[in-house]
Amino acid sequence: MKRILITAAALALCWTSQSRAEDLVIASPGGSFMDQIVACKADPFKKLANVNTIVSASSSVQTAAKLRATKGAPEFDVVYVDSEIAVPLAKEGLLEKIDYAKLANRDAVGKQFFDPNGYFVTMMTAATTIAYNPKLTEKPTSWADVLDPKFKGKVALPDITGTAGIHFLLAINKLYGGTLDNVDPGFEAIKKIRQNVVMFYTQADQLVPLFERGDIAIAPWYPDRIGSAADSGVPVAVAYPKEGAVGIRPTIAIPKGAAHPDLALKYIDNDLGEKSQKCFADNKYAGPVNKNVVLSPKAAAILPSAEDVEKLWFIDLDVIAAKRAAWTARWQREIAR
C-alpha cells in the first residue's frame, strides 16, 4: 500500500511539475455558460494541475471559424462546441482523436456520449425549448405559440447562424408538415411573422436584457440560460412544447495541432468527473453525463422531466452538416433581409 501511495504522489508531482507555467487556452460560449465553465471546471483544474487556464468567450460558430482560419495551428487547447459543429470539424480534420482509454472517468459516462469516431465527448445534455415571461403571458405549450400574432413586438427569435436558430426552424418546419428534405413550411411560417420580431439574436445572452426590461414575452432559448437568468432575478421561466424540444449535445474536444494535447486530455477527464459535472449541473442547469451525479431539487425543476426527455428530438447531425450552408443562405435571403 505504501508503495502505491508513493507512486501516486510521484505521478501527481510529475503532472504538476510538467504543467507548471503552461497556459491551457479554452474556448467556451460566453455569458453565464462561460461563468460556470470557469467556476466548475477551469478554476478547479488550474489548482489540480498547477497550470494557468485561460477561458476565451467564443460561440460554437465563432470557434469553428477560428479553427478553419488557423488550420493546424489553433489558438485553443480545448474547445466547447455543439455537436452540430463538432461533426463537420472532425470531418474536416480539425480535431484531434481522443484516447478514451486514458480517461479515468470513462466508465462513469454513458457510452452514447462518446463520438464513435473518437473526436469529441458530449459533456452535458441540453435542449432548444421555449422561454417566456410569466408576468406577460401564460405558459406556452406548443412551438406554434412562439409564432402567435398576439406576440407582435414581443417575440425574439434566434438567428440561423446559431444552434437555436437551426433548431427552431426545423421544429417549426416539422410542426407544419415539413421534412429535413423540404424546409419550405418552416421558412414560410417564419416569414409571415418576421415583422413581429424584436431581435434575431446571435448570442444566447442577448435575450437577458430583453426579458429583464419586459421587451419580450417569448423566445426559443436554452434551459440552462433560462435558469441562470431566473436566478439573477430576470422574469423568465422554461416551457417544454408538447411536440418536444430539440435535443442538444454540447461537446468538448481538442483542436488539431493544439499546443498542449496531453494537458487538454487531462482537462477533459476532469470535466467528466462527478464533482465537475455536479457543480455544472446544479449551477448551470445542465443535464449531467456522469451517471453518479444526483441533481439538486432546483436543477431538477429546470431540466426536462422524464416525459420531456422522451420527446426530445435529436436531429441527424450529418443532415444538418450537409444542408446548413444552403439553409443559412436561404435565411439570409428570405428572413434576415
C-alpha atoms as a PDB file:
ATOM      1  CA  MET A   1       0.000   0.000   0.000  1.00  0.00           C
ATOM      2  CA  LYS A   2       2.841   2.389   0.911  1.00  0.00           C
ATOM      3  CA  ARG A   3       4.435   1.710  -2.474  1.00  0.00           C
ATOM      4  CA  ILE A   4       1.183   2.581  -4.244  1.00  0.00           C
ATOM      5  CA  LEU A   5       0.834   5.818  -2.290  1.00  0.00           C
ATOM      6  CA  ILE A   6       4.377   6.838  -3.134  1.00  0.00           C
ATOM      7  CA  THR A   7       3.767   6.073  -6.802  1.00  0.00           C
ATOM      8  CA  ALA A   8       0.568   8.138  -6.836  1.00  0.00           C
ATOM      9  CA  ALA A   9       2.342  11.039  -5.178  1.00  0.00           C
ATOM     10  CA  ALA A  10       5.156  10.801  -7.701  1.00  0.00           C
ATOM     11  CA  LEU A  11       2.686  10.853 -10.575  1.00  0.00           C
ATOM     12  CA  ALA A  12       0.925  13.891  -9.137  1.00  0.00           C
ATOM     13  CA  LEU A  13       4.263  15.667  -8.735  1.00  0.00           C
ATOM     14  CA  CYS A  14       5.202  14.752 -12.297  1.00  0.00           C
ATOM     15  CA  TRP A  15       1.875  16.099 -13.608  1.00  0.00           C
ATOM     16  CA  THR A  16       2.099  19.416 -11.794  1.00  0.00           C
ATOM     17  CA  SER A  17       5.789  19.979 -12.466  1.00  0.00           C
ATOM     18  CA  GLN A  18       5.378  19.291 -16.173  1.00  0.00           C
ATOM     19  CA  SER A  19       2.371  21.601 -16.349  1.00  0.00           C
ATOM     20  CA  ARG A  20       3.864  24.458 -14.342  1.00  0.00           C
ATOM     21  CA  ALA A  21       3.897  27.819 -16.161  1.00  0.00           C
ATOM     22  CA  GLU A  22       1.881  26.469 -19.107  1.00  0.00           C
ATOM     23  CA  ASP A  23      -1.279  28.176 -20.346  1.00  0.00           C
ATOM     24  CA  LEU A  24      -4.233  25.948 -21.202  1.00  0.00           C
ATOM     25  CA  VAL A  25      -6.455  28.001 -23.509  1.00  0.00           C
ATOM     26  CA  ILE A  26     -10.132  27.026 -23.572  1.00  0.00           C
ATOM     27  CA  ALA A  27     -12.835  28.236 -25.980  1.00  0.00           C
ATOM     28  CA  SER A  28     -16.291  28.435 -24.393  1.00  0.00           C
ATOM     29  CA  PRO A  29     -19.610  30.045 -25.297  1.00  0.00           C
ATOM     30  CA  GLY A  30     -19.831  33.288 -23.341  1.00  0.00           C
ATOM     31  CA  GLY A  31     -22.153  34.711 -20.705  1.00  0.00           C
ATOM     32  CA  SER A  32     -23.462  32.592 -17.868  1.00  0.00           C
ATOM     33  CA  PHE A  33     -22.269  29.401 -19.586  1.00  0.00           C
ATOM     34  CA  MET A  34     -18.672  30.598 -19.512  1.00  0.00           C
ATOM     35  CA  ASP A  35     -19.034  31.836 -15.941  1.00  0.00           C
ATOM     36  CA  GLN A  36     -19.771  28.301 -14.778  1.00  0.00           C
ATOM     37  CA  ILE A  37     -17.147  26.736 -17.048  1.00  0.00           C
ATOM     38  CA  VAL A  38     -14.658  28.902 -15.164  1.00  0.00           C
ATOM     39  CA  ALA A  39     -16.123  28.219 -11.704  1.00  0.00           C
ATOM     40  CA  CYS A  40     -16.817  24.489 -12.047  1.00  0.00           C
ATOM     41  CA  LYS A  41     -14.144  23.329 -14.471  1.00  0.00           C
ATOM     42  CA  ALA A  42     -11.321  25.701 -15.409  1.00  0.00           C
ATOM     43  CA  ASP A  43     -10.521  27.128 -11.960  1.00  0.00           C
ATOM     44  CA  PRO A  44     -10.583  23.743 -10.168  1.00  0.00           C
ATOM     45  CA  PHE A  45      -8.372  22.261 -12.886  1.00  0.00           C
ATOM     46  CA  LYS A  46      -5.969  25.179 -12.511  1.00  0.00           C
ATOM     47  CA  LYS A  47      -5.438  24.225  -8.869  1.00  0.00           C
ATOM     48  CA  LEU A  48      -5.362  20.494  -9.551  1.00  0.00           C
ATOM     49  CA  ALA A  49      -2.810  20.625 -12.379  1.00  0.00           C
ATOM     50  CA  ASN A  50      -0.956  23.771 -11.304  1.00  0.00           C
ATOM     51  CA  VAL A  51      -1.434  25.436 -14.697  1.00  0.00           C
ATOM     52  CA  ASN A  52      -2.877  28.716 -15.867  1.00  0.00           C
ATOM     53  CA  THR A  53      -6.270  28.245 -17.505  1.00  0.00           C
ATOM     54  CA  ILE A  54      -7.446  30.959 -19.904  1.00  0.00           C
ATOM     55  CA  VAL A  55     -11.096  30.781 -20.932  1.00  0.00           C
ATOM     56  CA  SER A  56     -11.976  32.748 -24.048  1.00  0.00           C
ATOM     57  CA  ALA A  57     -15.582  33.621 -24.968  1.00  0.00           C
ATOM     58  CA  SER A  58     -16.368  32.097 -28.348  1.00  0.00           C
ATOM     59  CA  SER A  59     -19.632  30.672 -29.667  1.00  0.00           C
ATOM     60  CA  SER A  60     -19.612  27.324 -31.448  1.00  0.00           C
ATOM     61  CA  VAL A  61     -19.828  29.051 -34.827  1.00  0.00           C
ATOM     62  CA  GLN A  62     -17.068  31.525 -33.933  1.00  0.00           C
ATOM     63  CA  THR A  63     -14.824  28.733 -32.666  1.00  0.00           C
ATOM     64  CA  ALA A  64     -15.333  26.754 -35.872  1.00  0.00           C
ATOM     65  CA  ALA A  65     -14.412  29.799 -37.955  1.00  0.00           C
ATOM     66  CA  LYS A  66     -11.239  30.317 -35.912  1.00  0.00           C
ATOM     67  CA  LEU A  67     -10.187  26.674 -36.253  1.00  0.00           C
ATOM     68  CA  ARG A  68     -10.729  26.813 -40.006  1.00  0.00           C
ATOM     69  CA  ALA A  69      -8.761  30.052 -40.285  1.00  0.00           C
ATOM     70  CA  THR A  70      -5.825  28.691 -38.234  1.00  0.00           C
ATOM     71  CA  LYS A  71      -5.914  25.149 -39.558  1.00  0.00           C
ATOM     72  CA  GLY A  72      -3.335  23.049 -37.721  1.00  0.00           C
ATOM     73  CA  ALA A  73      -2.155  25.925 -35.524  1.00  0.00           C
ATOM     74  CA  PRO A  74      -5.110  26.727 -33.247  1.00  0.00           C
ATOM     75  CA  GLU A  75      -5.111  29.321 -30.504  1.00  0.00           C
ATOM     76  CA  PHE A  76      -7.087  26.919 -28.300  1.00  0.00           C
ATOM     77  CA  ASP A  77      -6.145  23.701 -26.497  1.00  0.00           C
ATOM     78  CA  VAL A  78      -9.732  22.725 -25.615  1.00  0.00           C
ATOM     79  CA  VAL A  79     -12.990  23.750 -27.280  1.00  0.00           C
ATOM     80  CA  TYR A  80     -16.615  23.550 -26.198  1.00  0.00           C
ATOM     81  CA  VAL A  81     -18.823  23.314 -29.297  1.00  0.00           C
ATOM     82  CA  ASP A  82     -22.264  21.932 -30.036  1.00  0.00           C
ATOM     83  CA  SER A  83     -22.323  18.534 -31.716  1.00  0.00           C
ATOM     84  CA  GLU A  84     -23.725  20.079 -34.918  1.00  0.00           C
ATOM     85  CA  ILE A  85     -20.432  21.952 -35.176  1.00  0.00           C
ATOM     86  CA  ALA A  86     -18.155  19.195 -33.862  1.00  0.00           C
ATOM     87  CA  VAL A  87     -19.188  16.695 -36.542  1.00  0.00           C
ATOM     88  CA  PRO A  88     -18.106  18.784 -39.557  1.00  0.00           C
ATOM     89  CA  LEU A  89     -14.966  19.954 -37.734  1.00  0.00           C
ATOM     90  CA  ALA A  90     -13.959  16.325 -37.238  1.00  0.00           C
ATOM     91  CA  LYS A  91     -14.652  15.528 -40.893  1.00  0.00           C
ATOM     92  CA  GLU A  92     -12.516  18.488 -41.936  1.00  0.00           C
ATOM     93  CA  GLY A  93      -9.591  17.134 -39.931  1.00  0.00           C
ATOM     94  CA  LEU A  94      -9.658  19.985 -37.425  1.00  0.00           C
ATOM     95  CA  LEU A  95      -9.977  17.870 -34.252  1.00  0.00           C
ATOM     96  CA  GLU A  96      -7.506  15.527 -32.590  1.00  0.00           C
ATOM     97  CA  LYS A  97      -8.541  11.974 -31.808  1.00  0.00           C
ATOM     98  CA  ILE A  98      -9.152  11.412 -28.108  1.00  0.00           C
ATOM     99  CA  ASP A  99      -7.749   8.264 -26.497  1.00  0.00           C
ATOM    100  CA  TYR A 100     -10.796   7.294 -24.432  1.00  0.00           C
ATOM    101  CA  ALA A 101      -8.752   4.583 -22.686  1.00  0.00           C
ATOM    102  CA  LYS A 102      -6.779   7.329 -20.923  1.00  0.00           C
ATOM    103  CA  LEU A 103      -9.906   8.866 -19.374  1.00  0.00           C
ATOM    104  CA  ALA A 104     -10.229   7.721 -15.760  1.00  0.00           C
ATOM    105  CA  ASN A 105     -13.889   8.795 -15.743  1.00  0.00           C
ATOM    106  CA  ARG A 106     -14.797   6.932 -18.920  1.00  0.00           C
ATOM    107  CA  ASP A 107     -16.812   4.194 -17.233  1.00  0.00           C
ATOM    108  CA  ALA A 108     -18.908   6.730 -15.288  1.00  0.00           C
ATOM    109  CA  VAL A 109     -20.105   8.293 -18.546  1.00  0.00           C
ATOM    110  CA  GLY A 110     -22.686   6.659 -20.798  1.00  0.00           C
ATOM    111  CA  LYS A 111     -21.288   5.121 -23.981  1.00  0.00           C
ATOM    112  CA  GLN A 112     -23.718   7.154 -26.089  1.00  0.00           C
ATOM    113  CA  PHE A 113     -21.880  10.332 -25.127  1.00  0.00           C
ATOM    114  CA  PHE A 114     -18.624   9.342 -26.820  1.00  0.00           C
ATOM    115  CA  ASP A 115     -18.207  10.115 -30.513  1.00  0.00           C
ATOM    116  CA  PRO A 116     -17.910   6.675 -32.148  1.00  0.00           C
ATOM    117  CA  ASN A 117     -15.148   8.046 -34.367  1.00  0.00           C
ATOM    118  CA  GLY A 118     -13.183   9.259 -31.344  1.00  0.00           C
ATOM    119  CA  TYR A 119     -13.076  13.030 -31.858  1.00  0.00           C
ATOM    120  CA  PHE A 120     -15.253  14.508 -29.113  1.00  0.00           C
ATOM    121  CA  VAL A 121     -17.223  13.754 -25.961  1.00  0.00           C
ATOM    122  CA  THR A 122     -20.650  15.092 -25.038  1.00  0.00           C
ATOM    123  CA  MET A 123     -20.130  16.940 -21.733  1.00  0.00           C
ATOM    124  CA  MET A 124     -23.778  17.750 -20.932  1.00  0.00           C
ATOM    125  CA  THR A 125     -27.257  17.358 -22.353  1.00  0.00           C
ATOM    126  CA  ALA A 126     -29.361  20.369 -23.236  1.00  0.00           C
ATOM    127  CA  ALA A 127     -32.179  21.486 -25.494  1.00  0.00           C
ATOM    128  CA  THR A 128     -33.650  24.291 -27.518  1.00  0.00           C
ATOM    129  CA  THR A 129     -37.025  24.975 -25.931  1.00  0.00           C
ATOM    130  CA  ILE A 130     -39.282  27.945 -25.082  1.00  0.00           C
ATOM    131  CA  ALA A 131     -38.586  30.776 -22.651  1.00  0.00           C
ATOM    132  CA  TYR A 132     -41.410  33.053 -21.540  1.00  0.00           C
ATOM    133  CA  ASN A 133     -42.082  35.949 -19.185  1.00  0.00           C
ATOM    134  CA  PRO A 134     -44.732  34.729 -16.694  1.00  0.00           C
ATOM    135  CA  LYS A 135     -45.650  38.353 -15.968  1.00  0.00           C
ATOM    136  CA  LEU A 136     -46.645  38.908 -19.577  1.00  0.00           C
ATOM    137  CA  THR A 137     -48.099  35.621 -20.790  1.00  0.00           C
ATOM    138  CA  GLU A 138     -49.373  32.233 -19.741  1.00  0.00           C
ATOM    139  CA  LYS A 139     -47.091  29.232 -20.028  1.00  0.00           C
ATOM    140  CA  PRO A 140     -46.813  28.239 -23.703  1.00  0.00           C
ATOM    141  CA  THR A 141     -47.498  24.632 -24.630  1.00  0.00           C
ATOM    142  CA  SER A 142     -46.524  24.421 -28.310  1.00  0.00           C
ATOM    143  CA  TRP A 143     -43.915  25.661 -30.749  1.00  0.00           C
ATOM    144  CA  ALA A 144     -46.819  27.315 -32.552  1.00  0.00           C
ATOM    145  CA  ASP A 145     -47.236  29.693 -29.601  1.00  0.00           C
ATOM    146  CA  VAL A 146     -43.948  31.404 -30.490  1.00  0.00           C
ATOM    147  CA  LEU A 147     -45.469  32.441 -33.832  1.00  0.00           C
ATOM    148  CA  ASP A 148     -48.770  33.668 -32.357  1.00  0.00           C
ATOM    149  CA  PRO A 149     -49.587  37.139 -33.776  1.00  0.00           C
ATOM    150  CA  LYS A 150     -50.515  38.296 -30.269  1.00  0.00           C
ATOM    151  CA  PHE A 151     -46.764  38.491 -29.556  1.00  0.00           C
ATOM    152  CA  LYS A 152     -46.170  41.101 -32.255  1.00  0.00           C
ATOM    153  CA  GLY A 153     -43.361  43.294 -30.962  1.00  0.00           C
ATOM    154  CA  LYS A 154     -42.856  40.937 -28.006  1.00  0.00           C
ATOM    155  CA  VAL A 155     -41.005  37.998 -29.544  1.00  0.00           C
ATOM    156  CA  ALA A 156     -37.315  37.359 -30.243  1.00  0.00           C
ATOM    157  CA  LEU A 157     -36.042  34.585 -32.493  1.00  0.00           C
ATOM    158  CA  PRO A 158     -32.593  33.018 -32.813  1.00  0.00           C
ATOM    159  CA  ASP A 159     -30.634  33.699 -35.977  1.00  0.00           C
ATOM    160  CA  ILE A 160     -29.892  30.638 -38.058  1.00  0.00           C
ATOM    161  CA  THR A 161     -26.144  31.053 -37.526  1.00  0.00           C
ATOM    162  CA  GLY A 162     -26.585  29.658 -34.004  1.00  0.00           C
ATOM    163  CA  THR A 163     -27.723  26.236 -32.823  1.00  0.00           C
ATOM    164  CA  ALA A 164     -31.084  27.521 -31.559  1.00  0.00           C
ATOM    165  CA  GLY A 165     -31.782  29.118 -34.953  1.00  0.00           C
ATOM    166  CA  ILE A 166     -31.350  25.864 -36.851  1.00  0.00           C
ATOM    167  CA  HIS A 167     -33.378  24.017 -34.231  1.00  0.00           C
ATOM    168  CA  PHE A 168     -36.264  26.494 -34.206  1.00  0.00           C
ATOM    169  CA  LEU A 169     -36.519  26.489 -37.993  1.00  0.00           C
ATOM    170  CA  LEU A 170     -36.621  22.697 -38.110  1.00  0.00           C
ATOM    171  CA  ALA A 171     -39.052  22.405 -35.176  1.00  0.00           C
ATOM    172  CA  ILE A 172     -41.479  24.808 -36.858  1.00  0.00           C
ATOM    173  CA  ASN A 173     -40.934  23.081 -40.179  1.00  0.00           C
ATOM    174  CA  LYS A 174     -41.776  19.706 -38.647  1.00  0.00           C
ATOM    175  CA  LEU A 175     -44.825  21.184 -36.909  1.00  0.00           C
ATOM    176  CA  TYR A 176     -46.248  22.317 -40.243  1.00  0.00           C
ATOM    177  CA  GLY A 177     -45.548  19.106 -42.132  1.00  0.00           C
ATOM    178  CA  GLY A 178     -42.055  19.692 -43.467  1.00  0.00           C
ATOM    179  CA  THR A 179     -39.144  17.277 -43.519  1.00  0.00           C
ATOM    180  CA  LEU A 180     -35.376  17.623 -43.453  1.00  0.00           C
ATOM    181  CA  ASP A 181     -35.530  17.441 -47.255  1.00  0.00           C
ATOM    182  CA  ASN A 182     -38.305  20.043 -47.506  1.00  0.00           C
ATOM    183  CA  VAL A 183     -37.980  23.081 -45.230  1.00  0.00           C
ATOM    184  CA  ASP A 184     -40.453  25.247 -47.160  1.00  0.00           C
ATOM    185  CA  PRO A 185     -43.155  25.063 -44.432  1.00  0.00           C
ATOM    186  CA  GLY A 186     -40.700  26.299 -41.791  1.00  0.00           C
ATOM    187  CA  PHE A 187     -39.434  29.201 -43.853  1.00  0.00           C
ATOM    188  CA  GLU A 188     -42.930  30.243 -44.867  1.00  0.00           C
ATOM    189  CA  ALA A 189     -44.200  30.190 -41.273  1.00  0.00           C
ATOM    190  CA  ILE A 190     -41.320  32.342 -40.009  1.00  0.00           C
ATOM    191  CA  LYS A 191     -41.525  34.752 -42.963  1.00  0.00           C
ATOM    192  CA  LYS A 192     -45.140  35.504 -42.066  1.00  0.00           C
ATOM    193  CA  ILE A 193     -44.222  36.877 -38.631  1.00  0.00           C
ATOM    194  CA  ARG A 194     -40.809  38.317 -39.463  1.00  0.00           C
ATOM    195  CA  GLN A 195     -42.058  41.875 -38.890  1.00  0.00           C
ATOM    196  CA  ASN A 196     -43.250  40.901 -35.396  1.00  0.00           C
ATOM    197  CA  VAL A 197     -39.742  40.037 -34.214  1.00  0.00           C
ATOM    198  CA  VAL A 198     -37.894  42.432 -31.881  1.00  0.00           C
ATOM    199  CA  MET A 199     -34.497  40.781 -32.453  1.00  0.00           C
ATOM    200  CA  PHE A 200     -32.934  37.900 -34.324  1.00  0.00           C
ATOM    201  CA  TYR A 201     -30.312  37.185 -31.692  1.00  0.00           C
ATOM    202  CA  THR A 202     -26.871  35.766 -32.474  1.00  0.00           C
ATOM    203  CA  GLN A 203     -25.564  35.365 -28.902  1.00  0.00           C
ATOM    204  CA  ALA A 204     -27.623  33.491 -26.307  1.00  0.00           C
ATOM    205  CA  ASP A 205     -27.345  36.057 -23.518  1.00  0.00           C
ATOM    206  CA  GLN A 206     -28.641  38.867 -25.747  1.00  0.00           C
ATOM    207  CA  LEU A 207     -32.060  37.765 -24.506  1.00  0.00           C
ATOM    208  CA  VAL A 208     -31.296  38.550 -20.867  1.00  0.00           C
ATOM    209  CA  PRO A 209     -31.832  42.349 -21.042  1.00  0.00           C
ATOM    210  CA  LEU A 210     -34.851  41.902 -23.321  1.00  0.00           C
ATOM    211  CA  PHE A 211     -36.625  39.720 -20.753  1.00  0.00           C
ATOM    212  CA  GLU A 212     -35.322  41.876 -17.910  1.00  0.00           C
ATOM    213  CA  ARG A 213     -36.880  45.057 -19.344  1.00  0.00           C
ATOM    214  CA  GLY A 214     -40.081  43.325 -20.391  1.00  0.00           C
ATOM    215  CA  ASP A 215     -39.299  43.978 -24.057  1.00  0.00           C
ATOM    216  CA  ILE A 216     -40.208  40.417 -24.998  1.00  0.00           C
ATOM    217  CA  ALA A 217     -42.661  37.859 -23.692  1.00  0.00           C
ATOM    218  CA  ILE A 218     -41.460  34.742 -25.511  1.00  0.00           C
ATOM    219  CA  ALA A 219     -38.452  33.314 -27.349  1.00  0.00           C
ATOM    220  CA  PRO A 220     -36.802  29.996 -28.198  1.00  0.00           C
ATOM    221  CA  TRP A 221     -33.893  29.579 -25.766  1.00  0.00           C
ATOM    222  CA  TYR A 222     -31.959  27.063 -23.693  1.00  0.00           C
ATOM    223  CA  PRO A 223     -32.988  25.729 -20.230  1.00  0.00           C
ATOM    224  CA  ASP A 224     -29.544  26.416 -18.772  1.00  0.00           C
ATOM    225  CA  ARG A 225     -29.675  30.065 -19.845  1.00  0.00           C
ATOM    226  CA  ILE A 226     -33.246  30.389 -18.610  1.00  0.00           C
ATOM    227  CA  GLY A 227     -32.349  29.001 -15.189  1.00  0.00           C
ATOM    228  CA  SER A 228     -29.320  31.268 -14.830  1.00  0.00           C
ATOM    229  CA  ALA A 229     -31.316  34.341 -15.852  1.00  0.00           C
ATOM    230  CA  ALA A 230     -34.132  33.491 -13.433  1.00  0.00           C
ATOM    231  CA  ASP A 231     -31.579  33.078 -10.637  1.00  0.00           C
ATOM    232  CA  SER A 232     -30.445  36.661 -11.223  1.00  0.00           C
ATOM    233  CA  GLY A 233     -33.991  37.983 -10.921  1.00  0.00           C
ATOM    234  CA  VAL A 234     -34.970  38.115 -14.591  1.00  0.00           C
ATOM    235  CA  PRO A 235     -38.711  37.381 -15.082  1.00  0.00           C
ATOM    236  CA  VAL A 236     -38.315  34.293 -17.255  1.00  0.00           C
ATOM    237  CA  ALA A 237     -39.381  30.651 -16.991  1.00  0.00           C
ATOM    238  CA  VAL A 238     -38.992  27.474 -19.027  1.00  0.00           C
ATOM    239  CA  ALA A 239     -41.658  25.633 -21.014  1.00  0.00           C
ATOM    240  CA  TYR A 240     -41.262  22.381 -22.928  1.00  0.00           C
ATOM    241  CA  PRO A 241     -43.505  22.205 -26.027  1.00  0.00           C
ATOM    242  CA  LYS A 242     -45.857  19.264 -26.308  1.00  0.00           C
ATOM    243  CA  GLU A 243     -44.314  18.353 -29.674  1.00  0.00           C
ATOM    244  CA  GLY A 244     -40.933  18.001 -27.974  1.00  0.00           C
ATOM    245  CA  ALA A 245     -37.941  20.265 -27.526  1.00  0.00           C
ATOM    246  CA  VAL A 246     -34.910  19.834 -29.771  1.00  0.00           C
ATOM    247  CA  GLY A 247     -32.079  17.967 -28.082  1.00  0.00           C
ATOM    248  CA  ILE A 248     -28.553  19.399 -27.924  1.00  0.00           C
ATOM    249  CA  ARG A 249     -25.313  17.641 -27.130  1.00  0.00           C
ATOM    250  CA  PRO A 250     -22.655  20.230 -26.276  1.00  0.00           C
ATOM    251  CA  THR A 251     -19.264  18.621 -26.699  1.00  0.00           C
ATOM    252  CA  ILE A 252     -15.672  19.041 -25.601  1.00  0.00           C
ATOM    253  CA  ALA A 253     -12.794  18.416 -27.984  1.00  0.00           C
ATOM    254  CA  ILE A 254      -9.113  19.061 -28.686  1.00  0.00           C
ATOM    255  CA  PRO A 255      -8.295  21.043 -31.844  1.00  0.00           C
ATOM    256  CA  LYS A 256      -5.856  19.524 -34.319  1.00  0.00           C
ATOM    257  CA  GLY A 257      -2.395  20.862 -33.597  1.00  0.00           C
ATOM    258  CA  ALA A 258      -3.215  22.080 -30.075  1.00  0.00           C
ATOM    259  CA  ALA A 259      -0.136  23.201 -28.158  1.00  0.00           C
ATOM    260  CA  HIS A 260      -0.859  21.051 -25.085  1.00  0.00           C
ATOM    261  CA  PRO A 261      -2.794  17.928 -26.155  1.00  0.00           C
ATOM    262  CA  ASP A 262      -1.803  15.807 -23.134  1.00  0.00           C
ATOM    263  CA  LEU A 263      -2.855  18.515 -20.708  1.00  0.00           C
ATOM    264  CA  ALA A 264      -6.046  19.019 -22.708  1.00  0.00           C
ATOM    265  CA  LEU A 265      -6.846  15.321 -22.318  1.00  0.00           C
ATOM    266  CA  LYS A 266      -6.434  15.612 -18.543  1.00  0.00           C
ATOM    267  CA  TYR A 267      -8.747  18.629 -18.583  1.00  0.00           C
ATOM    268  CA  ILE A 268     -11.399  16.654 -20.466  1.00  0.00           C
ATOM    269  CA  ASP A 269     -11.094  13.803 -17.989  1.00  0.00           C
ATOM    270  CA  ASN A 270     -11.602  16.230 -15.109  1.00  0.00           C
ATOM    271  CA  ASP A 271     -14.581  17.807 -16.895  1.00  0.00           C
ATOM    272  CA  LEU A 272     -16.282  14.412 -16.970  1.00  0.00           C
ATOM    273  CA  GLY A 273     -15.664  13.767 -13.269  1.00  0.00           C
ATOM    274  CA  GLU A 274     -18.523  13.635 -10.776  1.00  0.00           C
ATOM    275  CA  LYS A 275     -17.550  16.802  -8.887  1.00  0.00           C
ATOM    276  CA  SER A 276     -17.190  18.918 -12.016  1.00  0.00           C
ATOM    277  CA  GLN A 277     -20.367  17.521 -13.541  1.00  0.00           C
ATOM    278  CA  LYS A 278     -22.459  18.099 -10.400  1.00  0.00           C
ATOM    279  CA  CYS A 279     -21.201  21.653  -9.982  1.00  0.00           C
ATOM    280  CA  PHE A 280     -22.082  22.470 -13.589  1.00  0.00           C
ATOM    281  CA  ALA A 281     -25.447  20.684 -13.421  1.00  0.00           C
ATOM    282  CA  ASP A 282     -26.559  22.429 -10.239  1.00  0.00           C
ATOM    283  CA  ASN A 283     -25.277  25.884 -11.162  1.00  0.00           C
ATOM    284  CA  LYS A 284     -25.824  25.910 -14.933  1.00  0.00           C
ATOM    285  CA  TYR A 285     -28.872  23.639 -15.159  1.00  0.00           C
ATOM    286  CA  ALA A 286     -27.022  21.265 -17.458  1.00  0.00           C
ATOM    287  CA  GLY A 287     -28.002  17.637 -17.816  1.00  0.00           C
ATOM    288  CA  PRO A 288     -25.003  15.642 -16.483  1.00  0.00           C
ATOM    289  CA  VAL A 289     -23.432  12.826 -18.486  1.00  0.00           C
ATOM    290  CA  ASN A 290     -21.710  11.323 -15.429  1.00  0.00           C
ATOM    291  CA  LYS A 291     -24.074   8.640 -14.120  1.00  0.00           C
ATOM    292  CA  ASN A 292     -23.078   9.223 -10.496  1.00  0.00           C
ATOM    293  CA  VAL A 293     -24.399  12.785 -10.301  1.00  0.00           C
ATOM    294  CA  VAL A 294     -27.521  13.417  -8.196  1.00  0.00           C
ATOM    295  CA  LEU A 295     -29.281  16.637  -9.210  1.00  0.00           C
ATOM    296  CA  SER A 296     -30.315  19.281  -6.698  1.00  0.00           C
ATOM    297  CA  PRO A 297     -34.096  19.928  -6.494  1.00  0.00           C
ATOM    298  CA  LYS A 298     -33.555  23.375  -8.065  1.00  0.00           C
ATOM    299  CA  ALA A 299     -31.776  21.926 -11.100  1.00  0.00           C
ATOM    300  CA  ALA A 300     -34.338  19.142 -11.449  1.00  0.00           C
ATOM    301  CA  ALA A 301     -37.113  21.766 -11.667  1.00  0.00           C
ATOM    302  CA  ILE A 302     -35.483  23.424 -14.707  1.00  0.00           C
ATOM    303  CA  LEU A 303     -34.217  20.391 -16.585  1.00  0.00           C
ATOM    304  CA  PRO A 304     -36.675  18.352 -18.668  1.00  0.00           C
ATOM    305  CA  SER A 305     -38.783  15.735 -16.915  1.00  0.00           C
ATOM    306  CA  ALA A 306     -38.520  12.082 -17.879  1.00  0.00           C
ATOM    307  CA  GLU A 307     -41.540  12.580 -20.184  1.00  0.00           C
ATOM    308  CA  ASP A 308     -39.950  15.633 -21.815  1.00  0.00           C
ATOM    309  CA  VAL A 309     -36.664  13.777 -22.254  1.00  0.00           C
ATOM    310  CA  GLU A 310     -38.501  11.022 -24.104  1.00  0.00           C
ATOM    311  CA  LYS A 311     -39.882  13.667 -26.502  1.00  0.00           C
ATOM    312  CA  LEU A 312     -36.519  15.282 -27.256  1.00  0.00           C
ATOM    313  CA  TRP A 313     -35.811  15.372 -30.988  1.00  0.00           C
ATOM    314  CA  PHE A 314     -32.150  14.732 -31.775  1.00  0.00           C
ATOM    315  CA  ILE A 315     -31.757  15.762 -35.389  1.00  0.00           C
ATOM    316  CA  ASP A 316     -29.440  13.830 -37.681  1.00  0.00           C
ATOM    317  CA  LEU A 317     -26.142  15.724 -37.441  1.00  0.00           C
ATOM    318  CA  ASP A 318     -24.938  14.581 -40.855  1.00  0.00           C
ATOM    319  CA  VAL A 319     -28.038  16.071 -42.461  1.00  0.00           C
ATOM    320  CA  ILE A 320     -27.520  19.367 -40.650  1.00  0.00           C
ATOM    321  CA  ALA A 321     -23.872  19.440 -41.700  1.00  0.00           C
ATOM    322  CA  ALA A 322     -24.781  18.774 -45.322  1.00  0.00           C
ATOM    323  CA  LYS A 323     -27.638  21.272 -45.558  1.00  0.00           C
ATOM    324  CA  ARG A 324     -26.626  24.021 -43.137  1.00  0.00           C
ATOM    325  CA  ALA A 325     -24.945  26.249 -45.733  1.00  0.00           C
ATOM    326  CA  ALA A 326     -27.963  26.152 -48.071  1.00  0.00           C
ATOM    327  CA  TRP A 327     -30.414  26.804 -45.219  1.00  0.00           C
ATOM    328  CA  THR A 328     -28.287  29.707 -43.995  1.00  0.00           C
ATOM    329  CA  ALA A 329     -28.108  31.274 -47.449  1.00  0.00           C
ATOM    330  CA  ARG A 330     -31.881  30.982 -47.816  1.00  0.00           C
ATOM    331  CA  TRP A 331     -32.391  32.517 -44.359  1.00  0.00           C
ATOM    332  CA  GLN A 332     -30.260  35.491 -45.328  1.00  0.00           C
ATOM    333  CA  ARG A 333     -32.334  35.992 -48.486  1.00  0.00           C
ATOM    334  CA  GLU A 334     -35.797  35.473 -47.068  1.00  0.00           C
ATOM    335  CA  ILE A 335     -35.712  36.167 -43.314  1.00  0.00           C
ATOM    336  CA  ALA A 336     -32.776  38.379 -42.390  1.00  0.00           C
ATOM    337  CA  ARG A 337     -33.099  40.841 -45.279  1.00  0.00           C
END
